[in-house]
Amino acid sequence: MNIPELLIALHINTLHVLKLIANKNKLSLQQVLCIYSIPLDGITQTDLADSLSIKISTLSRNLNKLEDHNIIIKQCVKDDNRFFKIFLTDYGLRLFNDILSNLQNYTQNLHLDSESDDIQSIADSLLHLNWHILKNKTKHV
């Protein structure tokens, strides 16, 4: 397989794991991605939509459901009431930590080569790849 095929396969397999985590928490995959993508100091709705590469209308529906379940709160941006900043509630933070814990458990159960150098090499490669993808995110295909 070449790198594009590997990227697609990795994406599909990662989505599968996230879907299992979503089902466990009675959430949609998009809602899990929203929860995971909200930093502790909050994020504007526009920035979150850009980060997730989805339309604001799609994000709004998911955020409304998360707000209804007391997972997030929306606050108007002080300088411009047209924009909302999204924050995780205490319950949302617990879900965020549960998502991370589930991902950690999943990766530990992959039984990667137990040599810490090998695991670190994989982590370094993924970090490097992710950095290059982010750096080139705004470039057109």
Foldseek 3Di string as FASTA:
>chain_A
DDPVVVVVVVVVVVLVLLCVLQVVVVHHSVLLLLLLPADQVWDKLVVSCVVVVHDSVVVVVSVVVCVVVQQKDWDADPVDNVITTIHGDPVSVVSNVVSVVSVVVVVVVVCDPPPVVVVVVVVVVVVVVVVVCVVCVPPDD
